[in-house]
Protein backbone atom coordinates (compact mmCIF):
# COMPACT_ATOMS: atom_id res chain seq x y z
CA UNK A 1 21.49 16.06 15.20
CA UNK A 2 20.35 12.87 13.50
CA UNK A 3 18.37 11.58 16.53
CA UNK A 4 16.33 14.64 17.11
CA UNK A 5 13.04 12.74 17.15
CA UNK A 6 13.83 10.05 19.64
CA UNK A 7 13.01 9.48 22.92
CA UNK A 8 12.22 12.73 25.26
CA UNK A 9 12.57 14.94 22.38
CA UNK A 10 9.58 13.20 20.65
CA UNK A 11 7.37 13.14 24.03
CA UNK A 12 7.98 17.02 24.64
CA UNK A 13 6.75 17.77 20.72
CA UNK A 14 3.72 15.69 21.20
CA UNK A 15 2.99 17.38 24.45
CA UNK A 16 3.44 21.11 22.97
CA UNK A 17 1.07 19.84 20.27
CA UNK A 18 -1.37 18.66 22.55
CA UNK A 19 -1.52 22.04 24.56
CA UNK A 20 -1.62 24.14 21.49
CA UNK A 21 -4.36 22.25 19.64
CA UNK A 22 -6.20 20.61 22.48
CA UNK A 23 -7.61 16.70 22.96
CA UNK A 24 -10.78 17.86 20.66
CA UNK A 25 -9.29 19.55 17.55
CA UNK A 26 -6.22 16.83 17.08
CA UNK A 27 -8.73 14.12 15.16
CA UNK A 28 -9.84 16.95 13.09
CA UNK A 29 -6.50 18.21 12.70
CA UNK A 30 -5.23 14.60 11.72
CA UNK A 31 -8.18 14.37 9.32
CA UNK A 32 -7.56 17.20 7.39
CA UNK A 33 -3.61 16.42 6.89
CA UNK A 34 -4.46 13.09 5.44
CA UNK A 35 -6.86 14.56 3.19
CA UNK A 36 -4.33 17.17 2.13
CA UNK A 37 -1.73 14.39 1.70
CA UNK A 38 -4.11 12.47 -0.53
CA UNK A 39 -5.00 15.45 -2.46
CA UNK A 40 -1.35 16.12 -3.11
CA UNK A 41 -0.36 12.64 -3.97
CA UNK A 42 -3.33 12.62 -6.63
CA UNK A 43 -2.11 15.81 -8.16
CA UNK A 44 1.69 14.43 -8.42
CA UNK A 45 0.22 11.52 -10.22
CA UNK A 46 -1.90 13.31 -12.54
CA UNK A 47 1.06 15.43 -13.70
CA UNK A 48 3.31 12.52 -14.11
CA UNK A 49 0.40 11.08 -16.05
CA UNK A 50 0.41 14.50 -17.99
CA UNK A 51 4.25 14.33 -18.80
CA UNK A 52 4.30 10.73 -20.16
CA UNK A 53 2.07 11.25 -23.32
CA UNK A 54 3.90 14.47 -24.01
CA UNK A 55 7.27 12.93 -23.83
CA UNK A 56 5.89 9.73 -26.05
CA UNK A 57 4.64 12.35 -28.83
CA UNK A 58 7.76 14.31 -28.59
CA UNK A 59 9.75 11.17 -29.38
CA UNK A 60 7.71 10.50 -32.79
CA UNK A 61 5.16 8.14 -31.48
CA UNK A 62 1.90 7.89 -34.06
CA UNK A 63 -0.29 5.91 -32.14
CA UNK A 64 -2.89 7.82 -30.13
CA UNK A 65 -3.70 6.57 -26.45
CA UNK A 66 -7.01 5.38 -26.10
CA UNK A 67 -7.40 7.30 -22.83
CA UNK A 68 -7.84 10.67 -24.44
CA UNK A 69 -10.80 9.67 -26.75
CA UNK A 70 -14.50 10.60 -25.54
CA UNK A 71 -15.53 7.05 -25.88
CA UNK A 72 -14.91 5.85 -22.58
CA UNK A 73 -16.81 9.11 -21.18
CA UNK A 74 -19.84 8.15 -23.26
CA UNK A 75 -19.71 4.82 -21.90
CA UNK A 76 -19.67 5.45 -17.97
CA UNK A 77 -23.41 7.17 -17.87
CA UNK A 78 -24.81 3.91 -19.41
CA UNK A 79 -23.05 1.58 -16.78
CA UNK A 80 -24.66 3.86 -14.16
CA UNK A 81 -28.00 3.67 -15.66
CA UNK A 82 -28.16 -0.12 -15.66
CA UNK A 83 -29.86 -2.03 -13.02
CA UNK A 84 -27.84 -3.50 -10.00
CA UNK A 85 -26.92 -7.27 -10.61
CA UNK A 86 -28.38 -9.66 -8.34
CA UNK A 87 -25.98 -12.23 -6.33
């Protein structure tokens, strides 16, 4: 049972997928799968970051993280308005 996706089983599964979706749709299917995985990974990372500061404040930390302030957001537009640097 542990060797289910080896040898001829894998080839049979790939052929069935090819027959169901067609060769033209497989790249789009793979692209959407990759984008979904990327979004899922980003959401999981954001959830972990949200949980980390909550755990620090519950432990009695008195320093506020610098990422929560509005100052970095105000700096970003000025960086975008700057002319490009010459090499």
